[in-house]
Amino acid sequence: MTDLPVDPALRLAADSVAVGVGEDRNFLVRSEEQLRVSSVRVPSGSARLEKFVVTETQTITVEVSHEEYRLVQDPITDPGPAPRHLNRGGQLNTARWLYVNREEVVITKKVMPVERVRIEVYPVTEQRQITEAVRREHIDTSHPGDPDTPRPA
């Protein structure tokens, strides 16, 4: 026997042929492609969800307080005993400090989530009114003996 070159397409077909096993080897299994049809969703448009920062000026009124001082002199009606530590001039040899306070405005900023924003896609069915001129034929009857019927000229 001579080995002839085999066409690769025929070799694939021969490799895929199932031959019967056993005593009866005189059959083949026939296969065929089956068509399967489906649908796919394809993009028909797009929407972009993007966030950006906008700076705005806010004016807030806040109350702040501060302390002030004034000198108050009260007359002594009952002098009582004299102070013990007088200096040469007869005055009290101590000083007293009084501290006054004020409130200052402190500004802090904190990022807080306030809402969730999302895009929702939904189908819309609408009704449209179309206005278009249409023509129709009209048939009228006339009687030749009728006095209202116009006569041909």
C-alpha atoms as a PDB file:
ATOM      1  CA  MET A   1       0.000   0.000   0.000  1.00  0.00           C
ATOM      2  CA  THR A   2       1.082   3.516  -0.715  1.00  0.00           C
ATOM      3  CA  ASP A   3       0.595   6.279   1.868  1.00  0.00           C
ATOM      4  CA  LEU A   4      -0.948   9.221   0.052  1.00  0.00           C
ATOM      5  CA  PRO A   5      -0.966  12.699   1.588  1.00  0.00           C
ATOM      6  CA  VAL A   6      -4.250  13.377   3.334  1.00  0.00           C
ATOM      7  CA  ASP A   7      -6.051  16.727   3.083  1.00  0.00           C
ATOM      8  CA  PRO A   8      -6.102  18.331   6.613  1.00  0.00           C
ATOM      9  CA  ALA A   9      -9.833  19.103   6.263  1.00  0.00           C
ATOM     10  CA  LEU A  10     -10.575  15.470   5.517  1.00  0.00           C
ATOM     11  CA  ARG A  11      -8.386  14.406   8.428  1.00  0.00           C
ATOM     12  CA  LEU A  12     -10.493  16.528  10.829  1.00  0.00           C
ATOM     13  CA  ALA A  13     -13.646  14.990   9.462  1.00  0.00           C
ATOM     14  CA  ALA A  14     -12.204  11.497   9.739  1.00  0.00           C
ATOM     15  CA  ASP A  15     -11.041  12.127  13.319  1.00  0.00           C
ATOM     16  CA  SER A  16     -14.503  13.205  14.374  1.00  0.00           C
ATOM     17  CA  VAL A  17     -16.271  10.182  12.879  1.00  0.00           C
ATOM     18  CA  ALA A  18     -17.441   7.678  15.465  1.00  0.00           C
ATOM     19  CA  VAL A  19     -17.185   4.088  14.285  1.00  0.00           C
ATOM     20  CA  GLY A  20     -19.296   1.319  15.760  1.00  0.00           C
ATOM     21  CA  VAL A  21     -17.690  -1.076  18.214  1.00  0.00           C
ATOM     22  CA  GLY A  22     -18.323  -4.794  18.360  1.00  0.00           C
ATOM     23  CA  GLU A  23     -19.454  -7.220  15.707  1.00  0.00           C
ATOM     24  CA  ASP A  24     -21.326  -4.692  13.517  1.00  0.00           C
ATOM     25  CA  ARG A  25     -18.838  -2.001  12.479  1.00  0.00           C
ATOM     26  CA  ASN A  26     -20.742  -0.883   9.400  1.00  0.00           C
ATOM     27  CA  PHE A  27     -22.259   2.358  10.669  1.00  0.00           C
ATOM     28  CA  LEU A  28     -21.279   5.990  11.234  1.00  0.00           C
ATOM     29  CA  VAL A  29     -22.651   8.623  13.601  1.00  0.00           C
ATOM     30  CA  ARG A  30     -23.824  11.705  11.779  1.00  0.00           C
ATOM     31  CA  SER A  31     -23.549  15.087  13.560  1.00  0.00           C
ATOM     32  CA  GLU A  32     -24.739  18.483  12.565  1.00  0.00           C
ATOM     33  CA  GLU A  33     -24.395  22.011  13.807  1.00  0.00           C
ATOM     34  CA  GLN A  34     -27.396  23.475  15.507  1.00  0.00           C
ATOM     35  CA  LEU A  35     -28.209  27.125  15.269  1.00  0.00           C
ATOM     36  CA  ARG A  36     -28.733  28.880  18.568  1.00  0.00           C
ATOM     37  CA  VAL A  37     -30.059  32.421  18.550  1.00  0.00           C
ATOM     38  CA  SER A  38     -30.009  34.814  21.461  1.00  0.00           C
ATOM     39  CA  SER A  39     -30.060  38.529  22.018  1.00  0.00           C
ATOM     40  CA  VAL A  40     -27.546  40.770  23.671  1.00  0.00           C
ATOM     41  CA  ARG A  41     -27.840  44.192  25.171  1.00  0.00           C
ATOM     42  CA  VAL A  42     -25.733  46.808  23.482  1.00  0.00           C
ATOM     43  CA  PRO A  43     -25.141  50.335  24.738  1.00  0.00           C
ATOM     44  CA  SER A  44     -27.404  52.890  23.133  1.00  0.00           C
ATOM     45  CA  GLY A  45     -26.221  55.884  25.128  1.00  0.00           C
ATOM     46  CA  SER A  46     -24.369  56.789  28.241  1.00  0.00           C
ATOM     47  CA  ALA A  47     -24.701  58.833  31.398  1.00  0.00           C
ATOM     48  CA  ARG A  48     -21.824  59.921  33.562  1.00  0.00           C
ATOM     49  CA  LEU A  49     -22.054  60.329  37.298  1.00  0.00           C
ATOM     50  CA  GLU A  50     -19.330  62.688  38.410  1.00  0.00           C
ATOM     51  CA  LYS A  51     -18.808  64.778  41.473  1.00  0.00           C
ATOM     52  CA  PHE A  52     -16.851  67.960  41.790  1.00  0.00           C
ATOM     53  CA  VAL A  53     -16.237  70.568  44.447  1.00  0.00           C
ATOM     54  CA  VAL A  54     -17.984  73.925  44.399  1.00  0.00           C
ATOM     55  CA  THR A  55     -16.779  76.599  46.800  1.00  0.00           C
ATOM     56  CA  GLU A  56     -19.340  78.965  48.223  1.00  0.00           C
ATOM     57  CA  THR A  57     -19.126  81.612  50.898  1.00  0.00           C
ATOM     58  CA  GLN A  58     -21.324  81.195  53.946  1.00  0.00           C
ATOM     59  CA  THR A  59     -22.018  83.923  56.470  1.00  0.00           C
ATOM     60  CA  ILE A  60     -22.948  82.788  59.951  1.00  0.00           C
ATOM     61  CA  THR A  61     -23.680  85.050  62.890  1.00  0.00           C
ATOM     62  CA  VAL A  62     -22.236  83.822  66.157  1.00  0.00           C
ATOM     63  CA  GLU A  63     -22.404  85.475  69.572  1.00  0.00           C
ATOM     64  CA  VAL A  64     -19.136  86.091  71.359  1.00  0.00           C
ATOM     65  CA  SER A  65     -18.678  87.815  74.680  1.00  0.00           C
ATOM     66  CA  HIS A  66     -15.854  89.548  76.464  1.00  0.00           C
ATOM     67  CA  GLU A  67     -15.338  90.985  79.896  1.00  0.00           C
ATOM     68  CA  GLU A  68     -14.633  94.604  80.578  1.00  0.00           C
ATOM     69  CA  TYR A  69     -13.764  96.276  83.837  1.00  0.00           C
ATOM     70  CA  ARG A  70     -14.478  99.550  85.516  1.00  0.00           C
ATOM     71  CA  LEU A  71     -13.381 101.083  88.729  1.00  0.00           C
ATOM     72  CA  VAL A  72     -16.083 101.171  91.369  1.00  0.00           C
ATOM     73  CA  GLN A  73     -15.491 103.193  94.499  1.00  0.00           C
ATOM     74  CA  ASP A  74     -17.731 102.612  97.485  1.00  0.00           C
ATOM     75  CA  PRO A  75     -17.494 104.917 100.532  1.00  0.00           C
ATOM     76  CA  ILE A  76     -16.666 103.170 103.761  1.00  0.00           C
ATOM     77  CA  THR A  77     -19.145 104.004 106.448  1.00  0.00           C
ATOM     78  CA  ASP A  78     -17.563 101.842 109.190  1.00  0.00           C
ATOM     79  CA  PRO A  79     -13.762 101.887 108.791  1.00  0.00           C
ATOM     80  CA  GLY A  80     -13.044  98.980 111.178  1.00  0.00           C
ATOM     81  CA  PRO A  81      -9.444  98.139 112.111  1.00  0.00           C
ATOM     82  CA  ALA A  82      -6.630  99.601 110.013  1.00  0.00           C
ATOM     83  CA  PRO A  83      -4.732  97.358 107.548  1.00  0.00           C
ATOM     84  CA  ARG A  84      -1.553  95.884 109.056  1.00  0.00           C
ATOM     85  CA  HIS A  85       0.895  96.141 106.167  1.00  0.00           C
ATOM     86  CA  LEU A  86       1.019  99.762 105.255  1.00  0.00           C
ATOM     87  CA  ASN A  87       3.984 101.235 103.498  1.00  0.00           C
ATOM     88  CA  ARG A  88       5.546 104.545 104.466  1.00  0.00           C
ATOM     89  CA  GLY A  89       2.845 106.534 102.797  1.00  0.00           C
ATOM     90  CA  GLY A  90       0.183 104.702 104.788  1.00  0.00           C
ATOM     91  CA  GLN A  91      -1.016 102.695 101.815  1.00  0.00           C
ATOM     92  CA  LEU A  92      -1.544  98.956 101.516  1.00  0.00           C
ATOM     93  CA  ASN A  93       1.623  97.316 100.209  1.00  0.00           C
ATOM     94  CA  THR A  94      -0.052  94.664  98.007  1.00  0.00           C
ATOM     95  CA  ALA A  95      -1.174  94.586  94.428  1.00  0.00           C
ATOM     96  CA  ARG A  96      -4.095  92.687  93.135  1.00  0.00           C
ATOM     97  CA  TRP A  97      -4.431  91.459  89.547  1.00  0.00           C
ATOM     98  CA  LEU A  98      -7.769  90.921  87.925  1.00  0.00           C
ATOM     99  CA  TYR A  99      -7.905  88.961  84.704  1.00  0.00           C
ATOM    100  CA  VAL A 100     -10.578  89.599  82.110  1.00  0.00           C
ATOM    101  CA  ASN A 101     -11.572  87.110  79.425  1.00  0.00           C
ATOM    102  CA  ARG A 102     -12.927  87.216  75.925  1.00  0.00           C
ATOM    103  CA  GLU A 103     -14.295  84.596  73.570  1.00  0.00           C
ATOM    104  CA  GLU A 104     -12.662  84.099  70.225  1.00  0.00           C
ATOM    105  CA  VAL A 105     -14.262  82.464  67.235  1.00  0.00           C
ATOM    106  CA  VAL A 106     -12.767  79.100  66.309  1.00  0.00           C
ATOM    107  CA  ILE A 107     -13.552  77.815  62.840  1.00  0.00           C
ATOM    108  CA  THR A 108     -13.323  74.121  62.076  1.00  0.00           C
ATOM    109  CA  LYS A 109     -14.444  72.270  58.997  1.00  0.00           C
ATOM    110  CA  LYS A 110     -15.505  68.645  58.828  1.00  0.00           C
ATOM    111  CA  VAL A 111     -16.564  66.719  55.752  1.00  0.00           C
ATOM    112  CA  MET A 112     -19.888  65.001  56.391  1.00  0.00           C
ATOM    113  CA  PRO A 113     -21.870  62.786  54.000  1.00  0.00           C
ATOM    114  CA  VAL A 114     -25.259  64.330  53.294  1.00  0.00           C
ATOM    115  CA  GLU A 115     -26.841  62.264  50.532  1.00  0.00           C
ATOM    116  CA  ARG A 116     -26.323  59.331  48.192  1.00  0.00           C
ATOM    117  CA  VAL A 117     -26.750  60.121  44.513  1.00  0.00           C
ATOM    118  CA  ARG A 118     -27.193  57.416  41.896  1.00  0.00           C
ATOM    119  CA  ILE A 119     -28.399  57.044  38.355  1.00  0.00           C
ATOM    120  CA  GLU A 120     -31.475  54.934  37.849  1.00  0.00           C
ATOM    121  CA  VAL A 121     -32.397  53.635  34.408  1.00  0.00           C
ATOM    122  CA  TYR A 122     -36.035  52.901  33.667  1.00  0.00           C
ATOM    123  CA  PRO A 123     -38.100  52.379  30.513  1.00  0.00           C
ATOM    124  CA  VAL A 124     -40.352  55.173  29.333  1.00  0.00           C
ATOM    125  CA  THR A 125     -43.434  54.644  27.205  1.00  0.00           C
ATOM    126  CA  GLU A 126     -44.922  57.757  25.763  1.00  0.00           C
ATOM    127  CA  GLN A 127     -47.842  58.713  23.580  1.00  0.00           C
ATOM    128  CA  ARG A 128     -47.395  61.181  20.773  1.00  0.00           C
ATOM    129  CA  GLN A 129     -50.086  63.064  18.920  1.00  0.00           C
ATOM    130  CA  ILE A 130     -49.476  63.350  15.202  1.00  0.00           C
ATOM    131  CA  THR A 131     -51.344  65.913  13.127  1.00  0.00           C
ATOM    132  CA  GLU A 132     -51.372  65.437   9.378  1.00  0.00           C
ATOM    133  CA  ALA A 133     -53.690  66.574   6.606  1.00  0.00           C
ATOM    134  CA  VAL A 134     -55.583  63.782   4.881  1.00  0.00           C
ATOM    135  CA  ARG A 135     -57.667  63.988   1.737  1.00  0.00           C
ATOM    136  CA  ARG A 136     -60.853  62.166   0.966  1.00  0.00           C
ATOM    137  CA  GLU A 137     -63.161  62.134  -1.957  1.00  0.00           C
ATOM    138  CA  HIS A 138     -66.687  63.368  -1.657  1.00  0.00           C
ATOM    139  CA  ILE A 139     -69.431  62.409  -4.029  1.00  0.00           C
ATOM    140  CA  ASP A 140     -72.440  64.600  -4.543  1.00  0.00           C
ATOM    141  CA  THR A 141     -75.520  63.839  -6.620  1.00  0.00           C
ATOM    142  CA  SER A 142     -77.502  66.139  -8.798  1.00  0.00           C
ATOM    143  CA  HIS A 143     -80.760  65.745 -10.742  1.00  0.00           C
ATOM    144  CA  PRO A 144     -80.912  67.204 -14.254  1.00  0.00           C
ATOM    145  CA  GLY A 145     -84.525  68.388 -13.880  1.00  0.00           C
ATOM    146  CA  ASP A 146     -83.848  70.153 -10.578  1.00  0.00           C
ATOM    147  CA  PRO A 147     -83.990  73.961 -10.890  1.00  0.00           C
ATOM    148  CA  ASP A 148     -81.014  74.305  -8.497  1.00  0.00           C
ATOM    149  CA  THR A 149     -78.795  72.176 -10.747  1.00  0.00           C
ATOM    150  CA  PRO A 150     -76.387  74.314 -12.759  1.00  0.00           C
ATOM    151  CA  ARG A 151     -76.632  73.813 -16.534  1.00  0.00           C
ATOM    152  CA  PRO A 152     -73.592  73.187 -18.657  1.00  0.00           C
ATOM    153  CA  ALA A 153     -72.588  76.181 -20.709  1.00  0.00           C
END
